[in-house]
Amino acid sequence: MKLVLAFMLGCVPLLAGAQEKLPQDVAKFVENAQMCEHFAGEWDDNDKARQREITQAVASSCGQAQKQWKRLRVKYAGQPKLQQVIAENANDAVRSFRK
């Protein structure tokens, strides 16, 4: 167990380093798109308060990610590597979000 934990903690700097290589606006888009997908996949019929929180989180993260996605596709049109990162993170929740 300690070995697994040590391995996981050892990988964190590698993941953070990969994220740091992206321009700040692209990294923020990736973060918002991931949160959008996460919250869009949640639903709680039994707890109305929790469902309101989820709905607000979807509106916030998906709304921001969708605006960023549209802007970044144009901004980085001539940069295939960044275009690929943007396209890979423009999940269905981001693309289809409607306020």
PDB file of N, CA and C in Angstrom:
ATOM      1  N   MET A   1       0.821  -1.192   0.000  1.00  0.00           N
ATOM      2  CA  MET A   1       0.000   0.000   0.000  1.00  0.00           C
ATOM      3  C   MET A   1       0.862   1.251   0.000  1.00  0.00           C
ATOM      4  N   LYS A   2       1.919   1.232   0.820  1.00  0.00           N
ATOM      5  CA  LYS A   2       2.806   2.390   0.876  1.00  0.00           C
ATOM      6  C   LYS A   2       3.513   2.597  -0.458  1.00  0.00           C
ATOM      7  N   LEU A   3       3.839   1.500  -1.125  1.00  0.00           N
ATOM      8  CA  LEU A   3       4.514   1.584  -2.419  1.00  0.00           C
ATOM      9  C   LEU A   3       3.593   2.222  -3.455  1.00  0.00           C
ATOM     10  N   VAL A   4       2.326   1.834  -3.461  1.00  0.00           N
ATOM     11  CA  VAL A   4       1.360   2.398  -4.394  1.00  0.00           C
ATOM     12  C   VAL A   4       1.183   3.893  -4.126  1.00  0.00           C
ATOM     13  N   LEU A   5       1.060   4.250  -2.869  1.00  0.00           N
ATOM     14  CA  LEU A   5       0.901   5.654  -2.508  1.00  0.00           C
ATOM     15  C   LEU A   5       2.132   6.455  -2.913  1.00  0.00           C
ATOM     16  N   ALA A   6       3.312   5.919  -2.685  1.00  0.00           N
ATOM     17  CA  ALA A   6       4.548   6.599  -3.066  1.00  0.00           C
ATOM     18  C   ALA A   6       4.614   6.774  -4.575  1.00  0.00           C
ATOM     19  N   PHE A   7       4.203   5.757  -5.322  1.00  0.00           N
ATOM     20  CA  PHE A   7       4.198   5.851  -6.780  1.00  0.00           C
ATOM     21  C   PHE A   7       3.238   6.937  -7.252  1.00  0.00           C
ATOM     22  N   MET A   8       2.029   6.946  -6.679  1.00  0.00           N
ATOM     23  CA  MET A   8       1.028   7.942  -7.073  1.00  0.00           C
ATOM     24  C   MET A   8       1.516   9.350  -6.764  1.00  0.00           C
ATOM     25  N   LEU A   9       2.088   9.544  -5.598  1.00  0.00           N
ATOM     26  CA  LEU A   9       2.599  10.861  -5.239  1.00  0.00           C
ATOM     27  C   LEU A   9       3.776  11.257  -6.125  1.00  0.00           C
ATOM     28  N   GLY A  10       4.541  10.283  -6.567  1.00  0.00           N
ATOM     29  CA  GLY A  10       5.660  10.560  -7.462  1.00  0.00           C
ATOM     30  C   GLY A  10       5.206  11.002  -8.834  1.00  0.00           C
ATOM     31  N   CYS A  11       4.010  10.598  -9.254  1.00  0.00           N
ATOM     32  CA  CYS A  11       3.491  10.966 -10.572  1.00  0.00           C
ATOM     33  C   CYS A  11       2.873  12.359 -10.602  1.00  0.00           C
ATOM     34  N   VAL A  12       2.482  12.882  -9.468  1.00  0.00           N
ATOM     35  CA  VAL A  12       1.820  14.185  -9.414  1.00  0.00           C
ATOM     36  C   VAL A  12       2.672  15.286 -10.057  1.00  0.00           C
ATOM     37  N   PRO A  13       3.966  15.392  -9.754  1.00  0.00           N
ATOM     38  CA  PRO A  13       4.756  16.434 -10.419  1.00  0.00           C
ATOM     39  C   PRO A  13       4.818  16.262 -11.928  1.00  0.00           C
ATOM     40  N   LEU A  14       4.803  15.038 -12.414  1.00  0.00           N
ATOM     41  CA  LEU A  14       4.820  14.809 -13.850  1.00  0.00           C
ATOM     42  C   LEU A  14       3.540  15.325 -14.498  1.00  0.00           C
ATOM     43  N   LEU A  15       2.416  15.055 -13.864  1.00  0.00           N
ATOM     44  CA  LEU A  15       1.151  15.541 -14.389  1.00  0.00           C
ATOM     45  C   LEU A  15       1.077  17.056 -14.331  1.00  0.00           C
ATOM     46  N   ALA A  16       1.532  17.625 -13.252  1.00  0.00           N
ATOM     47  CA  ALA A  16       1.528  19.082 -13.116  1.00  0.00           C
ATOM     48  C   ALA A  16       2.455  19.703 -14.154  1.00  0.00           C
ATOM     49  N   GLY A  17       3.591  19.074 -14.409  1.00  0.00           N
ATOM     50  CA  GLY A  17       4.528  19.587 -15.402  1.00  0.00           C
ATOM     51  C   GLY A  17       3.935  19.578 -16.799  1.00  0.00           C
ATOM     52  N   ALA A  18       3.180  18.522 -17.113  1.00  0.00           N
ATOM     53  CA  ALA A  18       2.545  18.444 -18.426  1.00  0.00           C
ATOM     54  C   ALA A  18       1.515  19.554 -18.588  1.00  0.00           C
ATOM     55  N   GLN A  19       0.784  19.841 -17.538  1.00  0.00           N
ATOM     56  CA  GLN A  19      -0.226  20.891 -17.583  1.00  0.00           C
ATOM     57  C   GLN A  19       0.423  22.267 -17.702  1.00  0.00           C
ATOM     58  N   GLU A  20       1.578  22.453 -17.083  1.00  0.00           N
ATOM     59  CA  GLU A  20       2.245  23.754 -17.098  1.00  0.00           C
ATOM     60  C   GLU A  20       2.765  24.119 -18.478  1.00  0.00           C
ATOM     61  N   LYS A  21       3.000  23.151 -19.339  1.00  0.00           N
ATOM     62  CA  LYS A  21       3.522  23.426 -20.666  1.00  0.00           C
ATOM     63  C   LYS A  21       2.484  24.057 -21.580  1.00  0.00           C
ATOM     64  N   LEU A  22       1.226  23.954 -21.207  1.00  0.00           N
ATOM     65  CA  LEU A  22       0.159  24.567 -21.992  1.00  0.00           C
ATOM     66  C   LEU A  22       0.087  26.051 -21.681  1.00  0.00           C
ATOM     67  N   PRO A  23      -0.302  26.862 -22.657  1.00  0.00           N
ATOM     68  CA  PRO A  23      -0.572  28.270 -22.344  1.00  0.00           C
ATOM     69  C   PRO A  23      -1.642  28.347 -21.252  1.00  0.00           C
ATOM     70  N   GLN A  24      -1.584  29.367 -20.466  1.00  0.00           N
ATOM     71  CA  GLN A  24      -2.481  29.496 -19.317  1.00  0.00           C
ATOM     72  C   GLN A  24      -3.955  29.429 -19.718  1.00  0.00           C
ATOM     73  N   ASP A  25      -4.314  30.071 -20.825  1.00  0.00           N
ATOM     74  CA  ASP A  25      -5.722  30.063 -21.221  1.00  0.00           C
ATOM     75  C   ASP A  25      -6.185  28.663 -21.656  1.00  0.00           C
ATOM     76  N   VAL A  26      -5.296  27.900 -22.273  1.00  0.00           N
ATOM     77  CA  VAL A  26      -5.649  26.535 -22.666  1.00  0.00           C
ATOM     78  C   VAL A  26      -5.747  25.640 -21.433  1.00  0.00           C
ATOM     79  N   ALA A  27      -4.830  25.793 -20.503  1.00  0.00           N
ATOM     80  CA  ALA A  27      -4.868  25.005 -19.263  1.00  0.00           C
ATOM     81  C   ALA A  27      -6.157  25.278 -18.493  1.00  0.00           C
ATOM     82  N   LYS A  28      -6.579  26.522 -18.442  1.00  0.00           N
ATOM     83  CA  LYS A  28      -7.817  26.874 -17.746  1.00  0.00           C
ATOM     84  C   LYS A  28      -9.027  26.266 -18.458  1.00  0.00           C
ATOM     85  N   PHE A  29      -8.996  26.283 -19.796  1.00  0.00           N
ATOM     86  CA  PHE A  29     -10.063  25.648 -20.568  1.00  0.00           C
ATOM     87  C   PHE A  29     -10.143  24.160 -20.240  1.00  0.00           C
ATOM     88  N   VAL A  30      -9.007  23.473 -20.215  1.00  0.00           N
ATOM     89  CA  VAL A  30      -8.966  22.044 -19.914  1.00  0.00           C
ATOM     90  C   VAL A  30      -9.590  21.793 -18.540  1.00  0.00           C
ATOM     91  N   GLU A  31      -9.226  22.604 -17.570  1.00  0.00           N
ATOM     92  CA  GLU A  31      -9.779  22.464 -16.217  1.00  0.00           C
ATOM     93  C   GLU A  31     -11.293  22.655 -16.218  1.00  0.00           C
ATOM     94  N   ASN A  32     -11.774  23.715 -16.871  1.00  0.00           N
ATOM     95  CA  ASN A  32     -13.219  23.969 -16.916  1.00  0.00           C
ATOM     96  C   ASN A  32     -13.957  22.870 -17.671  1.00  0.00           C
ATOM     97  N   ALA A  33     -13.373  22.386 -18.766  1.00  0.00           N
ATOM     98  CA  ALA A  33     -14.018  21.326 -19.552  1.00  0.00           C
ATOM     99  C   ALA A  33     -14.125  20.040 -18.745  1.00  0.00           C
ATOM    100  N   GLN A  34     -13.098  19.719 -17.978  1.00  0.00           N
ATOM    101  CA  GLN A  34     -13.142  18.519 -17.142  1.00  0.00           C
ATOM    102  C   GLN A  34     -14.189  18.651 -16.044  1.00  0.00           C
ATOM    103  N   MET A  35     -14.272  19.821 -15.435  1.00  0.00           N
ATOM    104  CA  MET A  35     -15.292  20.041 -14.404  1.00  0.00           C
ATOM    105  C   MET A  35     -16.692  19.996 -15.019  1.00  0.00           C
ATOM    106  N   CYS A  36     -16.825  20.552 -16.206  1.00  0.00           N
ATOM    107  CA  CYS A  36     -18.104  20.528 -16.914  1.00  0.00           C
ATOM    108  C   CYS A  36     -18.563  19.100 -17.129  1.00  0.00           C
ATOM    109  N   GLU A  37     -17.673  18.269 -17.645  1.00  0.00           N
ATOM    110  CA  GLU A  37     -18.018  16.871 -17.905  1.00  0.00           C
ATOM    111  C   GLU A  37     -18.362  16.134 -16.607  1.00  0.00           C
ATOM    112  N   HIS A  38     -17.607  16.423 -15.568  1.00  0.00           N
ATOM    113  CA  HIS A  38     -17.857  15.790 -14.269  1.00  0.00           C
ATOM    114  C   HIS A  38     -19.255  16.116 -13.756  1.00  0.00           C
ATOM    115  N   PHE A  39     -19.569  17.396 -13.680  1.00  0.00           N
ATOM    116  CA  PHE A  39     -20.866  17.791 -13.115  1.00  0.00           C
ATOM    117  C   PHE A  39     -22.023  17.452 -14.040  1.00  0.00           C
ATOM    118  N   ALA A  40     -21.806  17.491 -15.350  1.00  0.00           N
ATOM    119  CA  ALA A  40     -22.883  17.138 -16.286  1.00  0.00           C
ATOM    120  C   ALA A  40     -23.270  15.676 -16.145  1.00  0.00           C
ATOM    121  N   GLY A  41     -22.347  14.858 -15.651  1.00  0.00           N
ATOM    122  CA  GLY A  41     -22.622  13.437 -15.469  1.00  0.00           C
ATOM    123  C   GLY A  41     -23.280  13.101 -14.145  1.00  0.00           C
ATOM    124  N   GLU A  42     -23.479  14.089 -13.289  1.00  0.00           N
ATOM    125  CA  GLU A  42     -24.106  13.840 -11.986  1.00  0.00           C
ATOM    126  C   GLU A  42     -25.586  14.179 -12.044  1.00  0.00           C
ATOM    127  N   TRP A  43     -26.350  13.463 -11.270  1.00  0.00           N
ATOM    128  CA  TRP A  43     -27.768  13.775 -11.125  1.00  0.00           C
ATOM    129  C   TRP A  43     -28.233  13.206  -9.811  1.00  0.00           C
ATOM    130  N   ASP A  44     -29.023  13.961  -9.070  1.00  0.00           N
ATOM    131  CA  ASP A  44     -29.506  13.497  -7.775  1.00  0.00           C
ATOM    132  C   ASP A  44     -30.969  13.882  -7.622  1.00  0.00           C
ATOM    133  N   ASP A  45     -31.847  12.953  -7.949  1.00  0.00           N
ATOM    134  CA  ASP A  45     -33.286  13.202  -7.837  1.00  0.00           C
ATOM    135  C   ASP A  45     -33.760  13.276  -6.395  1.00  0.00           C
ATOM    136  N   ASN A  46     -32.988  12.681  -5.483  1.00  0.00           N
ATOM    137  CA  ASN A  46     -33.432  12.577  -4.101  1.00  0.00           C
ATOM    138  C   ASN A  46     -33.104  13.796  -3.255  1.00  0.00           C
ATOM    139  N   ASP A  47     -32.176  14.589  -3.694  1.00  0.00           N
ATOM    140  CA  ASP A  47     -31.726  15.724  -2.900  1.00  0.00           C
ATOM    141  C   ASP A  47     -31.797  17.000  -3.749  1.00  0.00           C
ATOM    142  N   LYS A  48     -32.864  17.746  -3.562  1.00  0.00           N
ATOM    143  CA  LYS A  48     -33.086  18.942  -4.386  1.00  0.00           C
ATOM    144  C   LYS A  48     -32.005  19.998  -4.189  1.00  0.00           C
ATOM    145  N   ALA A  49     -31.513  20.134  -2.975  1.00  0.00           N
ATOM    146  CA  ALA A  49     -30.450  21.117  -2.710  1.00  0.00           C
ATOM    147  C   ALA A  49     -29.182  20.727  -3.463  1.00  0.00           C
ATOM    148  N   ARG A  50     -28.837  19.462  -3.424  1.00  0.00           N
ATOM    149  CA  ARG A  50     -27.648  18.988  -4.143  1.00  0.00           C
ATOM    150  C   ARG A  50     -27.836  19.152  -5.642  1.00  0.00           C
ATOM    151  N   GLN A  51     -29.038  18.902  -6.138  1.00  0.00           N
ATOM    152  CA  GLN A  51     -29.285  19.055  -7.574  1.00  0.00           C
ATOM    153  C   GLN A  51     -29.137  20.518  -7.997  1.00  0.00           C
ATOM    154  N   ARG A  52     -29.540  21.454  -7.136  1.00  0.00           N
ATOM    155  CA  ARG A  52     -29.345  22.883  -7.442  1.00  0.00           C
ATOM    156  C   ARG A  52     -27.860  23.199  -7.534  1.00  0.00           C
ATOM    157  N   GLU A  53     -27.066  22.625  -6.609  1.00  0.00           N
ATOM    158  CA  GLU A  53     -25.614  22.834  -6.644  1.00  0.00           C
ATOM    159  C   GLU A  53     -25.012  22.297  -7.941  1.00  0.00           C
ATOM    160  N   ILE A  54     -25.457  21.113  -8.343  1.00  0.00           N
ATOM    161  CA  ILE A  54     -24.957  20.508  -9.581  1.00  0.00           C
ATOM    162  C   ILE A  54     -25.339  21.365 -10.776  1.00  0.00           C
ATOM    163  N   THR A  55     -26.581  21.816 -10.816  1.00  0.00           N
ATOM    164  CA  THR A  55     -27.049  22.653 -11.923  1.00  0.00           C
ATOM    165  C   THR A  55     -26.239  23.938 -12.014  1.00  0.00           C
ATOM    166  N   GLN A  56     -25.951  24.558 -10.872  1.00  0.00           N
ATOM    167  CA  GLN A  56     -25.136  25.776 -10.858  1.00  0.00           C
ATOM    168  C   GLN A  56     -23.707  25.500 -11.309  1.00  0.00           C
ATOM    169  N   ALA A  57     -23.137  24.373 -10.875  1.00  0.00           N
ATOM    170  CA  ALA A  57     -21.770  24.018 -11.272  1.00  0.00           C
ATOM    171  C   ALA A  57     -21.701  23.739 -12.770  1.00  0.00           C
ATOM    172  N   VAL A  58     -22.723  23.089 -13.322  1.00  0.00           N
ATOM    173  CA  VAL A  58     -22.769  22.832 -14.763  1.00  0.00           C
ATOM    174  C   VAL A  58     -22.841  24.160 -15.508  1.00  0.00           C
ATOM    175  N   ALA A  59     -23.725  25.042 -15.080  1.00  0.00           N
ATOM    176  CA  ALA A  59     -23.870  26.334 -15.756  1.00  0.00           C
ATOM    177  C   ALA A  59     -22.569  27.120 -15.726  1.00  0.00           C
ATOM    178  N   SER A  60     -21.897  27.102 -14.597  1.00  0.00           N
ATOM    179  CA  SER A  60     -20.652  27.851 -14.465  1.00  0.00           C
ATOM    180  C   SER A  60     -19.526  27.237 -15.289  1.00  0.00           C
ATOM    181  N   SER A  61     -19.220  25.974 -15.043  1.00  0.00           N
ATOM    182  CA  SER A  61     -18.069  25.354 -15.709  1.00  0.00           C
ATOM    183  C   SER A  61     -18.321  25.137 -17.197  1.00  0.00           C
ATOM    184  N   CYS A  62     -19.496  24.681 -17.569  1.00  0.00           N
ATOM    185  CA  CYS A  62     -19.787  24.445 -18.990  1.00  0.00           C
ATOM    186  C   CYS A  62     -19.909  25.757 -19.764  1.00  0.00           C
ATOM    187  N   GLY A  63     -20.514  26.752 -19.135  1.00  0.00           N
ATOM    188  CA  GLY A  63     -20.631  28.052 -19.791  1.00  0.00           C
ATOM    189  C   GLY A  63     -19.267  28.675 -20.062  1.00  0.00           C
ATOM    190  N   GLN A  64     -18.398  28.632 -19.052  1.00  0.00           N
ATOM    191  CA  GLN A  64     -17.046  29.170 -19.229  1.00  0.00           C
ATOM    192  C   GLN A  64     -16.270  28.377 -20.272  1.00  0.00           C
ATOM    193  N   ALA A  65     -16.336  27.049 -20.177  1.00  0.00           N
ATOM    194  CA  ALA A  65     -15.589  26.198 -21.103  1.00  0.00           C
ATOM    195  C   ALA A  65     -16.054  26.399 -22.540  1.00  0.00           C
ATOM    196  N   GLN A  66     -17.347  26.549 -22.738  1.00  0.00           N
ATOM    197  CA  GLN A  66     -17.857  26.738 -24.096  1.00  0.00           C
ATOM    198  C   GLN A  66     -17.368  28.055 -24.696  1.00  0.00           C
ATOM    199  N   LYS A  67     -17.391  29.121 -23.906  1.00  0.00           N
ATOM    200  CA  LYS A  67     -16.880  30.418 -24.377  1.00  0.00           C
ATOM    201  C   LYS A  67     -15.388  30.318 -24.691  1.00  0.00           C
ATOM    202  N   GLN A  68     -14.647  29.665 -23.800  1.00  0.00           N
ATOM    203  CA  GLN A  68     -13.206  29.502 -24.009  1.00  0.00           C
ATOM    204  C   GLN A  68     -12.938  28.672 -25.262  1.00  0.00           C
ATOM    205  N   TRP A  69     -13.680  27.600 -25.426  1.00  0.00           N
ATOM    206  CA  TRP A  69     -13.508  26.709 -26.572  1.00  0.00           C
ATOM    207  C   TRP A  69     -13.652  27.480 -27.883  1.00  0.00           C
ATOM    208  N   LYS A  70     -14.702  28.262 -27.990  1.00  0.00           N
ATOM    209  CA  LYS A  70     -14.935  29.039 -29.217  1.00  0.00           C
ATOM    210  C   LYS A  70     -13.803  30.030 -29.466  1.00  0.00           C
ATOM    211  N   ARG A  71     -13.348  30.695 -28.425  1.00  0.00           N
ATOM    212  CA  ARG A  71     -12.284  31.685 -28.562  1.00  0.00           C
ATOM    213  C   ARG A  71     -10.931  31.026 -28.870  1.00  0.00           C
ATOM    214  N   LEU A  72     -10.628  29.927 -28.176  1.00  0.00           N
ATOM    215  CA  LEU A  72      -9.324  29.283 -28.335  1.00  0.00           C
ATOM    216  C   LEU A  72      -9.167  28.600 -29.687  1.00  0.00           C
ATOM    217  N   ARG A  73     -10.253  28.082 -30.254  1.00  0.00           N
ATOM    218  CA  ARG A  73     -10.168  27.461 -31.587  1.00  0.00           C
ATOM    219  C   ARG A  73      -9.676  28.472 -32.609  1.00  0.00           C
ATOM    220  N   VAL A  74     -10.121  29.698 -32.480  1.00  0.00           N
ATOM    221  CA  VAL A  74      -9.700  30.756 -33.405  1.00  0.00           C
ATOM    222  C   VAL A  74      -8.285  31.226 -33.065  1.00  0.00           C
ATOM    223  N   LYS A  75      -8.033  31.466 -31.803  1.00  0.00           N
ATOM    224  CA  LYS A  75      -6.738  31.994 -31.363  1.00  0.00           C
ATOM    225  C   LYS A  75      -5.587  31.066 -31.749  1.00  0.00           C
ATOM    226  N   TYR A  76      -5.773  29.764 -31.605  1.00  0.00           N
ATOM    227  CA  TYR A  76      -4.701  28.802 -31.854  1.00  0.00           C
ATOM    228  C   TYR A  76      -4.924  28.014 -33.148  1.00  0.00           C
ATOM    229  N   ALA A  77      -5.591  28.619 -34.117  1.00  0.00           N
ATOM    230  CA  ALA A  77      -5.912  27.950 -35.386  1.00  0.00           C
ATOM    231  C   ALA A  77      -4.664  27.449 -36.113  1.00  0.00           C
ATOM    232  N   GLY A  78      -3.559  28.150 -36.022  1.00  0.00           N
ATOM    233  CA  GLY A  78      -2.344  27.752 -36.727  1.00  0.00           C
ATOM    234  C   GLY A  78      -1.403  26.881 -35.920  1.00  0.00           C
ATOM    235  N   GLN A  79      -1.873  26.363 -34.783  1.00  0.00           N
ATOM    236  CA  GLN A  79      -1.007  25.557 -33.915  1.00  0.00           C
ATOM    237  C   GLN A  79      -1.641  24.182 -33.684  1.00  0.00           C
ATOM    238  N   PRO A  80      -1.280  23.211 -34.529  1.00  0.00           N
ATOM    239  CA  PRO A  80      -1.937  21.894 -34.487  1.00  0.00           C
ATOM    240  C   PRO A  80      -1.886  21.186 -33.135  1.00  0.00           C
ATOM    241  N   LYS A  81      -0.786  21.296 -32.417  1.00  0.00           N
ATOM    242  CA  LYS A  81      -0.697  20.598 -31.122  1.00  0.00           C
ATOM    243  C   LYS A  81      -1.703  21.176 -30.125  1.00  0.00           C
ATOM    244  N   LEU A  82      -1.815  22.489 -30.096  1.00  0.00           N
ATOM    245  CA  LEU A  82      -2.790  23.104 -29.194  1.00  0.00           C
ATOM    246  C   LEU A  82      -4.213  22.856 -29.680  1.00  0.00           C
ATOM    247  N   GLN A  83      -4.406  22.856 -30.988  1.00  0.00           N
ATOM    248  CA  GLN A  83      -5.729  22.537 -31.545  1.00  0.00           C
ATOM    249  C   GLN A  83      -6.160  21.133 -31.112  1.00  0.00           C
ATOM    250  N   GLN A  84      -5.214  20.209 -31.085  1.00  0.00           N
ATOM    251  CA  GLN A  84      -5.526  18.843 -30.671  1.00  0.00           C
ATOM    252  C   GLN A  84      -5.933  18.792 -29.201  1.00  0.00           C
ATOM    253  N   VAL A  85      -5.206  19.498 -28.341  1.00  0.00           N
ATOM    254  CA  VAL A  85      -5.543  19.539 -26.918  1.00  0.00           C
ATOM    255  C   VAL A  85      -6.933  20.141 -26.730  1.00  0.00           C
ATOM    256  N   ILE A  86      -7.194  21.206 -27.444  1.00  0.00           N
ATOM    257  CA  ILE A  86      -8.496  21.884 -27.341  1.00  0.00           C
ATOM    258  C   ILE A  86      -9.608  20.950 -27.811  1.00  0.00           C
ATOM    259  N   ALA A  87      -9.409  20.303 -28.955  1.00  0.00           N
ATOM    260  CA  ALA A  87     -10.436  19.404 -29.503  1.00  0.00           C
ATOM    261  C   ALA A  87     -10.678  18.205 -28.588  1.00  0.00           C
ATOM    262  N   GLU A  88      -9.603  17.654 -28.024  1.00  0.00           N
ATOM    263  CA  GLU A  88      -9.743  16.491 -27.146  1.00  0.00           C
ATOM    264  C   GLU A  88     -10.501  16.815 -25.865  1.00  0.00           C
ATOM    265  N   ASN A  89     -10.459  18.056 -25.449  1.00  0.00           N
ATOM    266  CA  ASN A  89     -11.126  18.444 -24.207  1.00  0.00           C
ATOM    267  C   ASN A  89     -12.480  19.107 -24.428  1.00  0.00           C
ATOM    268  N   ALA A  90     -12.817  19.362 -25.667  1.00  0.00           N
ATOM    269  CA  ALA A  90     -14.139  19.924 -25.971  1.00  0.00           C
ATOM    270  C   ALA A  90     -15.131  18.766 -26.012  1.00  0.00           C
ATOM    271  N   ASN A  91     -15.455  18.239 -24.834  1.00  0.00           N
ATOM    272  CA  ASN A  91     -16.345  17.086 -24.726  1.00  0.00           C
ATOM    273  C   ASN A  91     -17.779  17.461 -25.094  1.00  0.00           C
ATOM    274  N   ASP A  92     -18.647  16.462 -25.157  1.00  0.00           N
ATOM    275  CA  ASP A  92     -20.044  16.694 -25.526  1.00  0.00           C
ATOM    276  C   ASP A  92     -20.735  17.698 -24.613  1.00  0.00           C
ATOM    277  N   ALA A  93     -20.399  17.657 -23.327  1.00  0.00           N
ATOM    278  CA  ALA A  93     -21.027  18.581 -22.377  1.00  0.00           C
ATOM    279  C   ALA A  93     -20.670  20.025 -22.709  1.00  0.00           C
ATOM    280  N   VAL A  94     -19.433  20.255 -23.128  1.00  0.00           N
ATOM    281  CA  VAL A  94     -19.005  21.606 -23.506  1.00  0.00           C
ATOM    282  C   VAL A  94     -19.660  22.025 -24.813  1.00  0.00           C
ATOM    283  N   ARG A  95     -19.607  21.158 -25.799  1.00  0.00           N
ATOM    284  CA  ARG A  95     -20.119  21.489 -27.130  1.00  0.00           C
ATOM    285  C   ARG A  95     -21.627  21.716 -27.145  1.00  0.00           C
ATOM    286  N   SER A  96     -22.356  20.963 -26.347  1.00  0.00           N
ATOM    287  CA  SER A  96     -23.824  21.032 -26.418  1.00  0.00           C
ATOM    288  C   SER A  96     -24.454  21.874 -25.312  1.00  0.00           C
ATOM    289  N   PHE A  97     -23.654  22.524 -24.483  1.00  0.00           N
ATOM    290  CA  PHE A  97     -24.222  23.282 -23.369  1.00  0.00           C
ATOM    291  C   PHE A  97     -25.134  24.392 -23.866  1.00  0.00           C
ATOM    292  N   ARG A  98     -26.287  24.486 -23.249  1.00  0.00           N
ATOM    293  CA  ARG A  98     -27.255  25.559 -23.510  1.00  0.00           C
ATOM    294  C   ARG A  98     -27.689  26.110 -22.178  1.00  0.00           C
ATOM    295  N   LYS A  99     -27.626  27.404 -22.044  1.00  0.00           N
ATOM    296  CA  LYS A  99     -27.998  28.043 -20.788  1.00  0.00           C
ATOM    297  C   LYS A  99     -29.489  28.110 -20.624  1.00  0.00           C
TER     298      LYS A  99
END
